[in-house]
Amino acid sequence: MQLDKLRQKEVDNLFAAILTLKNTEECYQFFDDLCTVGEIKSLAQRLEVARMLREGYTYNRIEADTGASTATISRVKRCLHYGTDGYTLVLDRLEENEE
């Protein structure tokens, strides 16, 4: 399982740090220090790809709207179907917050 490869003290500390953030502005501050602009955009792109896949968009539309490669779209799709349900968890919660 992928999670087993990921579990280590430093990753636990990173996730604990993320969980201390209280709002979007704090996220911008922390992630600006932590990641490059490209890394942040890549993470955001994957989340948007997951959202669009769940809503039934085609690869062509997702590629056109997000700029994601078909390889990235395929990887996200694989995670949606065979992953640990992380995308589903987050996307469901985002939808709940919109209501």
Foldseek 3Di string as FASTA:
>chain_A
DVVVVVDDPVVVVVVVVVVVDDDPVSVCVVCVVVDPPVVVLVVVLLLVLLVVVVVPDDPVVSCVVRVDDVVSSVVSVCCCVPNPCPSVVVVVVVVVVVD
